[in-house]
Amino acid sequence: MSKEVVITLEGLSCNGCVNSVITALMMVDGVEQADVTLYEAHVTGTMKVEDLIDAVEEAGFDAEEKKD
């Protein structure tokens, strides 16, 4: 079953950064959609949150799950 996860992002300063994060997130198994701004990523799919954070960090940016 799909779920939506919101991740806060740090270190992004331009559209190139946003595109890098989108590419990294879309490569994670289970990701169906990734909507990214300079400050947040809304990701839908059956993926693990830890995998999303790892992907963003490997792309060179800081990330953490946003809690309600």
PDB file of N, CA and C in Angstrom:
ATOM      1  N   MET A   1       0.837  -1.175   0.000  1.00  0.00           N
ATOM      2  CA  MET A   1       0.000   0.000   0.000  1.00  0.00           C
ATOM      3  C   MET A   1       0.887   1.245   0.000  1.00  0.00           C
ATOM      4  N   SER A   2       0.554   2.198  -0.811  1.00  0.00           N
ATOM      5  CA  SER A   2       1.333   3.431  -0.928  1.00  0.00           C
ATOM      6  C   SER A   2       1.100   4.333   0.274  1.00  0.00           C
ATOM      7  N   LYS A   3       2.131   5.097   0.600  1.00  0.00           N
ATOM      8  CA  LYS A   3       2.043   6.092   1.660  1.00  0.00           C
ATOM      9  C   LYS A   3       2.765   7.336   1.188  1.00  0.00           C
ATOM     10  N   GLU A   4       2.457   8.469   1.836  1.00  0.00           N
ATOM     11  CA  GLU A   4       3.183   9.700   1.525  1.00  0.00           C
ATOM     12  C   GLU A   4       4.088  10.040   2.699  1.00  0.00           C
ATOM     13  N   VAL A   5       5.327  10.360   2.387  1.00  0.00           N
ATOM     14  CA  VAL A   5       6.313  10.760   3.383  1.00  0.00           C
ATOM     15  C   VAL A   5       6.771  12.167   3.034  1.00  0.00           C
ATOM     16  N   VAL A   6       6.896  13.016   4.049  1.00  0.00           N
ATOM     17  CA  VAL A   6       7.417  14.364   3.843  1.00  0.00           C
ATOM     18  C   VAL A   6       8.790  14.432   4.498  1.00  0.00           C
ATOM     19  N   ILE A   7       9.760  14.888   3.724  1.00  0.00           N
ATOM     20  CA  ILE A   7      11.133  15.007   4.200  1.00  0.00           C
ATOM     21  C   ILE A   7      11.536  16.468   4.123  1.00  0.00           C
ATOM     22  N   THR A   8      12.110  16.985   5.209  1.00  0.00           N
ATOM     23  CA  THR A   8      12.656  18.339   5.160  1.00  0.00           C
ATOM     24  C   THR A   8      14.068  18.261   4.598  1.00  0.00           C
ATOM     25  N   LEU A   9      14.405  19.245   3.782  1.00  0.00           N
ATOM     26  CA  LEU A   9      15.685  19.265   3.079  1.00  0.00           C
ATOM     27  C   LEU A   9      16.486  20.498   3.471  1.00  0.00           C
ATOM     28  N   GLU A  10      17.804  20.354   3.490  1.00  0.00           N
ATOM     29  CA  GLU A  10      18.697  21.486   3.726  1.00  0.00           C
ATOM     30  C   GLU A  10      19.843  21.422   2.738  1.00  0.00           C
ATOM     31  N   GLY A  11      20.291  22.598   2.309  1.00  0.00           N
ATOM     32  CA  GLY A  11      21.452  22.671   1.433  1.00  0.00           C
ATOM     33  C   GLY A  11      21.121  22.869  -0.031  1.00  0.00           C
ATOM     34  N   LEU A  12      19.832  22.873  -0.381  1.00  0.00           N
ATOM     35  CA  LEU A  12      19.452  23.096  -1.769  1.00  0.00           C
ATOM     36  C   LEU A  12      19.380  24.595  -2.028  1.00  0.00           C
ATOM     37  N   SER A  13      19.919  25.030  -3.173  1.00  0.00           N
ATOM     38  CA  SER A  13      19.926  26.463  -3.454  1.00  0.00           C
ATOM     39  C   SER A  13      19.450  26.814  -4.859  1.00  0.00           C
ATOM     40  N   CYS A  14      19.160  25.803  -5.684  1.00  0.00           N
ATOM     41  CA  CYS A  14      18.761  26.104  -7.061  1.00  0.00           C
ATOM     42  C   CYS A  14      17.968  24.938  -7.649  1.00  0.00           C
ATOM     43  N   ASN A  15      17.461  25.137  -8.866  1.00  0.00           N
ATOM     44  CA  ASN A  15      16.701  24.081  -9.538  1.00  0.00           C
ATOM     45  C   ASN A  15      17.562  22.870  -9.854  1.00  0.00           C
ATOM     46  N   GLY A  16      18.845  23.074 -10.059  1.00  0.00           N
ATOM     47  CA  GLY A  16      19.741  21.945 -10.284  1.00  0.00           C
ATOM     48  C   GLY A  16      19.791  21.032  -9.068  1.00  0.00           C
ATOM     49  N   CYS A  17      19.799  21.645  -7.883  1.00  0.00           N
ATOM     50  CA  CYS A  17      19.774  20.864  -6.639  1.00  0.00           C
ATOM     51  C   CYS A  17      18.467  20.081  -6.536  1.00  0.00           C
ATOM     52  N   VAL A  18      17.364  20.740  -6.831  1.00  0.00           N
ATOM     53  CA  VAL A  18      16.056  20.085  -6.795  1.00  0.00           C
ATOM     54  C   VAL A  18      16.043  18.895  -7.742  1.00  0.00           C
ATOM     55  N   ASN A  19      16.537  19.083  -8.950  1.00  0.00           N
ATOM     56  CA  ASN A  19      16.562  17.989  -9.922  1.00  0.00           C
ATOM     57  C   ASN A  19      17.447  16.842  -9.455  1.00  0.00           C
ATOM     58  N   SER A  20      18.551  17.145  -8.798  1.00  0.00           N
ATOM     59  CA  SER A  20      19.426  16.099  -8.257  1.00  0.00           C
ATOM     60  C   SER A  20      18.701  15.269  -7.204  1.00  0.00           C
ATOM     61  N   VAL A  21      17.940  15.936  -6.341  1.00  0.00           N
ATOM     62  CA  VAL A  21      17.194  15.227  -5.302  1.00  0.00           C
ATOM     63  C   VAL A  21      16.075  14.396  -5.923  1.00  0.00           C
ATOM     64  N   ILE A  22      15.368  14.945  -6.901  1.00  0.00           N
ATOM     65  CA  ILE A  22      14.316  14.179  -7.579  1.00  0.00           C
ATOM     66  C   ILE A  22      14.903  12.914  -8.190  1.00  0.00           C
ATOM     67  N   THR A  23      16.011  13.047  -8.885  1.00  0.00           N
ATOM     68  CA  THR A  23      16.657  11.888  -9.512  1.00  0.00           C
ATOM     69  C   THR A  23      17.043  10.853  -8.465  1.00  0.00           C
ATOM     70  N   ALA A  24      17.633  11.302  -7.364  1.00  0.00           N
ATOM     71  CA  ALA A  24      18.048  10.380  -6.303  1.00  0.00           C
ATOM     72  C   ALA A  24      16.850   9.660  -5.699  1.00  0.00           C
ATOM     73  N   LEU A  25      15.777  10.397  -5.435  1.00  0.00           N
ATOM     74  CA  LEU A  25      14.594   9.786  -4.827  1.00  0.00           C
ATOM     75  C   LEU A  25      13.913   8.800  -5.769  1.00  0.00           C
ATOM     76  N   MET A  26      13.835   9.140  -7.045  1.00  0.00           N
ATOM     77  CA  MET A  26      13.158   8.263  -8.000  1.00  0.00           C
ATOM     78  C   MET A  26      13.917   6.953  -8.215  1.00  0.00           C
ATOM     79  N   MET A  27      15.182   6.908  -7.839  1.00  0.00           N
ATOM     80  CA  MET A  27      15.971   5.683  -7.973  1.00  0.00           C
ATOM     81  C   MET A  27      15.771   4.727  -6.793  1.00  0.00           C
ATOM     82  N   VAL A  28      15.105   5.187  -5.733  1.00  0.00           N
ATOM     83  CA  VAL A  28      14.850   4.345  -4.561  1.00  0.00           C
ATOM     84  C   VAL A  28      13.715   3.377  -4.891  1.00  0.00           C
ATOM     85  N   ASP A  29      13.930   2.101  -4.571  1.00  0.00           N
ATOM     86  CA  ASP A  29      12.901   1.091  -4.809  1.00  0.00           C
ATOM     87  C   ASP A  29      11.609   1.458  -4.096  1.00  0.00           C
ATOM     88  N   GLY A  30      10.498   1.391  -4.820  1.00  0.00           N
ATOM     89  CA  GLY A  30       9.186   1.639  -4.245  1.00  0.00           C
ATOM     90  C   GLY A  30       8.668   3.047  -4.426  1.00  0.00           C
ATOM     91  N   VAL A  31       9.512   3.982  -4.866  1.00  0.00           N
ATOM     92  CA  VAL A  31       9.061   5.365  -5.048  1.00  0.00           C
ATOM     93  C   VAL A  31       8.225   5.460  -6.320  1.00  0.00           C
ATOM     94  N   GLU A  32       7.019   6.011  -6.173  1.00  0.00           N
ATOM     95  CA  GLU A  32       6.119   6.205  -7.304  1.00  0.00           C
ATOM     96  C   GLU A  32       6.132   7.650  -7.792  1.00  0.00           C
ATOM     97  N   GLN A  33       6.291   8.589  -6.851  1.00  0.00           N
ATOM     98  CA  GLN A  33       6.265  10.010  -7.199  1.00  0.00           C
ATOM     99  C   GLN A  33       7.085  10.787  -6.181  1.00  0.00           C
ATOM    100  N   ALA A  34       7.783  11.814  -6.653  1.00  0.00           N
ATOM    101  CA  ALA A  34       8.556  12.687  -5.765  1.00  0.00           C
ATOM    102  C   ALA A  34       8.357  14.130  -6.205  1.00  0.00           C
ATOM    103  N   ASP A  35       7.742  14.920  -5.337  1.00  0.00           N
ATOM    104  CA  ASP A  35       7.561  16.352  -5.577  1.00  0.00           C
ATOM    105  C   ASP A  35       8.511  17.083  -4.636  1.00  0.00           C
ATOM    106  N   VAL A  36       9.453  17.828  -5.212  1.00  0.00           N
ATOM    107  CA  VAL A  36      10.536  18.418  -4.422  1.00  0.00           C
ATOM    108  C   VAL A  36      10.580  19.929  -4.614  1.00  0.00           C
ATOM    109  N   THR A  37      10.751  20.650  -3.487  1.00  0.00           N
ATOM    110  CA  THR A  37      11.029  22.088  -3.508  1.00  0.00           C
ATOM    111  C   THR A  37      12.412  22.278  -2.883  1.00  0.00           C
ATOM    112  N   LEU A  38      12.815  23.506  -2.695  1.00  0.00           N
ATOM    113  CA  LEU A  38      14.104  23.771  -2.057  1.00  0.00           C
ATOM    114  C   LEU A  38      14.118  23.354  -0.588  1.00  0.00           C
ATOM    115  N   TYR A  39      12.939  23.157   0.011  1.00  0.00           N
ATOM    116  CA  TYR A  39      12.856  22.920   1.449  1.00  0.00           C
ATOM    117  C   TYR A  39      12.233  21.594   1.854  1.00  0.00           C
ATOM    118  N   GLU A  40      11.425  20.992   0.967  1.00  0.00           N
ATOM    119  CA  GLU A  40      10.725  19.758   1.307  1.00  0.00           C
ATOM    120  C   GLU A  40      10.613  18.836   0.108  1.00  0.00           C
ATOM    121  N   ALA A  41      10.474  17.544   0.433  1.00  0.00           N
ATOM    122  CA  ALA A  41      10.165  16.546  -0.585  1.00  0.00           C
ATOM    123  C   ALA A  41       8.942  15.779  -0.113  1.00  0.00           C
ATOM    124  N   HIS A  42       7.940  15.675  -0.978  1.00  0.00           N
ATOM    125  CA  HIS A  42       6.756  14.862  -0.722  1.00  0.00           C
ATOM    126  C   HIS A  42       6.896  13.639  -1.613  1.00  0.00           C
ATOM    127  N   VAL A  43       7.051  12.474  -0.985  1.00  0.00           N
ATOM    128  CA  VAL A  43       7.346  11.256  -1.727  1.00  0.00           C
ATOM    129  C   VAL A  43       6.237  10.244  -1.477  1.00  0.00           C
ATOM    130  N   THR A  44       5.736   9.650  -2.566  1.00  0.00           N
ATOM    131  CA  THR A  44       4.676   8.655  -2.480  1.00  0.00           C
ATOM    132  C   THR A  44       5.196   7.323  -2.983  1.00  0.00           C
ATOM    133  N   GLY A  45       4.830   6.259  -2.265  1.00  0.00           N
ATOM    134  CA  GLY A  45       5.215   4.923  -2.698  1.00  0.00           C
ATOM    135  C   GLY A  45       5.247   3.953  -1.539  1.00  0.00           C
ATOM    136  N   THR A  46       5.930   2.829  -1.752  1.00  0.00           N
ATOM    137  CA  THR A  46       6.014   1.771  -0.747  1.00  0.00           C
ATOM    138  C   THR A  46       7.425   1.656  -0.184  1.00  0.00           C
ATOM    139  N   MET A  47       8.195   2.714  -0.272  1.00  0.00           N
ATOM    140  CA  MET A  47       9.603   2.722   0.114  1.00  0.00           C
ATOM    141  C   MET A  47       9.770   2.876   1.619  1.00  0.00           C
ATOM    142  N   LYS A  48      11.012   2.687   2.084  1.00  0.00           N
ATOM    143  CA  LYS A  48      11.372   2.921   3.481  1.00  0.00           C
ATOM    144  C   LYS A  48      11.908   4.346   3.616  1.00  0.00           C
ATOM    145  N   VAL A  49      11.523   5.016   4.682  1.00  0.00           N
ATOM    146  CA  VAL A  49      11.965   6.390   4.921  1.00  0.00           C
ATOM    147  C   VAL A  49      13.488   6.462   4.988  1.00  0.00           C
ATOM    148  N   GLU A  50      14.102   5.476   5.620  1.00  0.00           N
ATOM    149  CA  GLU A  50      15.559   5.477   5.756  1.00  0.00           C
ATOM    150  C   GLU A  50      16.243   5.475   4.391  1.00  0.00           C
ATOM    151  N   ASP A  51      15.658   4.753   3.436  1.00  0.00           N
ATOM    152  CA  ASP A  51      16.230   4.704   2.088  1.00  0.00           C
ATOM    153  C   ASP A  51      16.139   6.063   1.398  1.00  0.00           C
ATOM    154  N   LEU A  52      15.053   6.791   1.652  1.00  0.00           N
ATOM    155  CA  LEU A  52      14.896   8.128   1.064  1.00  0.00           C
ATOM    156  C   LEU A  52      15.956   9.077   1.617  1.00  0.00           C
ATOM    157  N   ILE A  53      16.113   9.052   2.925  1.00  0.00           N
ATOM    158  CA  ILE A  53      17.088   9.936   3.563  1.00  0.00           C
ATOM    159  C   ILE A  53      18.495   9.605   3.085  1.00  0.00           C
ATOM    160  N   ASP A  54      18.811   8.319   3.011  1.00  0.00           N
ATOM    161  CA  ASP A  54      20.130   7.905   2.514  1.00  0.00           C
ATOM    162  C   ASP A  54      20.367   8.409   1.095  1.00  0.00           C
ATOM    163  N   ALA A  55      19.350   8.324   0.240  1.00  0.00           N
ATOM    164  CA  ALA A  55      19.491   8.755  -1.156  1.00  0.00           C
ATOM    165  C   ALA A  55      19.760  10.253  -1.240  1.00  0.00           C
ATOM    166  N   VAL A  56      19.035  11.037  -0.448  1.00  0.00           N
ATOM    167  CA  VAL A  56      19.237  12.490  -0.447  1.00  0.00           C
ATOM    168  C   VAL A  56      20.636  12.826   0.069  1.00  0.00           C
ATOM    169  N   GLU A  57      21.053  12.154   1.123  1.00  0.00           N
ATOM    170  CA  GLU A  57      22.380  12.425   1.685  1.00  0.00           C
ATOM    171  C   GLU A  57      23.488  12.016   0.719  1.00  0.00           C
ATOM    172  N   GLU A  58      23.294  10.920  -0.005  1.00  0.00           N
ATOM    173  CA  GLU A  58      24.279  10.509  -1.005  1.00  0.00           C
ATOM    174  C   GLU A  58      24.361  11.515  -2.150  1.00  0.00           C
ATOM    175  N   ALA A  59      23.258  12.247  -2.389  1.00  0.00           N
ATOM    176  CA  ALA A  59      23.251  13.285  -3.418  1.00  0.00           C
ATOM    177  C   ALA A  59      23.917  14.565  -2.913  1.00  0.00           C
ATOM    178  N   GLY A  60      24.263  14.603  -1.615  1.00  0.00           N
ATOM    179  CA  GLY A  60      25.006  15.737  -1.080  1.00  0.00           C
ATOM    180  C   GLY A  60      24.209  16.735  -0.266  1.00  0.00           C
ATOM    181  N   PHE A  61      23.017  16.347   0.176  1.00  0.00           N
ATOM    182  CA  PHE A  61      22.156  17.268   0.919  1.00  0.00           C
ATOM    183  C   PHE A  61      21.728  16.639   2.238  1.00  0.00           C
ATOM    184  N   ASP A  62      21.269  17.467   3.170  1.00  0.00           N
ATOM    185  CA  ASP A  62      20.778  16.984   4.458  1.00  0.00           C
ATOM    186  C   ASP A  62      19.279  16.752   4.377  1.00  0.00           C
ATOM    187  N   ALA A  63      18.817  15.702   5.081  1.00  0.00           N
ATOM    188  CA  ALA A  63      17.397  15.371   5.051  1.00  0.00           C
ATOM    189  C   ALA A  63      16.982  14.701   6.346  1.00  0.00           C
ATOM    190  N   GLU A  64      15.734  14.927   6.732  1.00  0.00           N
ATOM    191  CA  GLU A  64      15.146  14.199   7.849  1.00  0.00           C
ATOM    192  C   GLU A  64      13.644  14.132   7.645  1.00  0.00           C
ATOM    193  N   GLU A  65      13.025  13.097   8.216  1.00  0.00           N
ATOM    194  CA  GLU A  65      11.579  12.944   8.076  1.00  0.00           C
ATOM    195  C   GLU A  65      10.883  14.047   8.858  1.00  0.00           C
ATOM    196  N   LYS A  66       9.879  14.655   8.237  1.00  0.00           N
ATOM    197  CA  LYS A  66       9.100  15.691   8.909  1.00  0.00           C
ATOM    198  C   LYS A  66       8.005  15.003   9.707  1.00  0.00           C
ATOM    199  N   LYS A  67       7.959  15.286  10.981  1.00  0.00           N
ATOM    200  CA  LYS A  67       6.934  14.726  11.863  1.00  0.00           C
ATOM    201  C   LYS A  67       5.794  15.724  11.987  1.00  0.00           C
ATOM    202  N   ASP A  68       4.590  15.199  12.168  1.00  0.00           N
ATOM    203  CA  ASP A  68       3.412  16.073  12.293  1.00  0.00           C
ATOM    204  C   ASP A  68       3.475  16.977  13.477  1.00  0.00           C
TER     205      ASP A  68
END
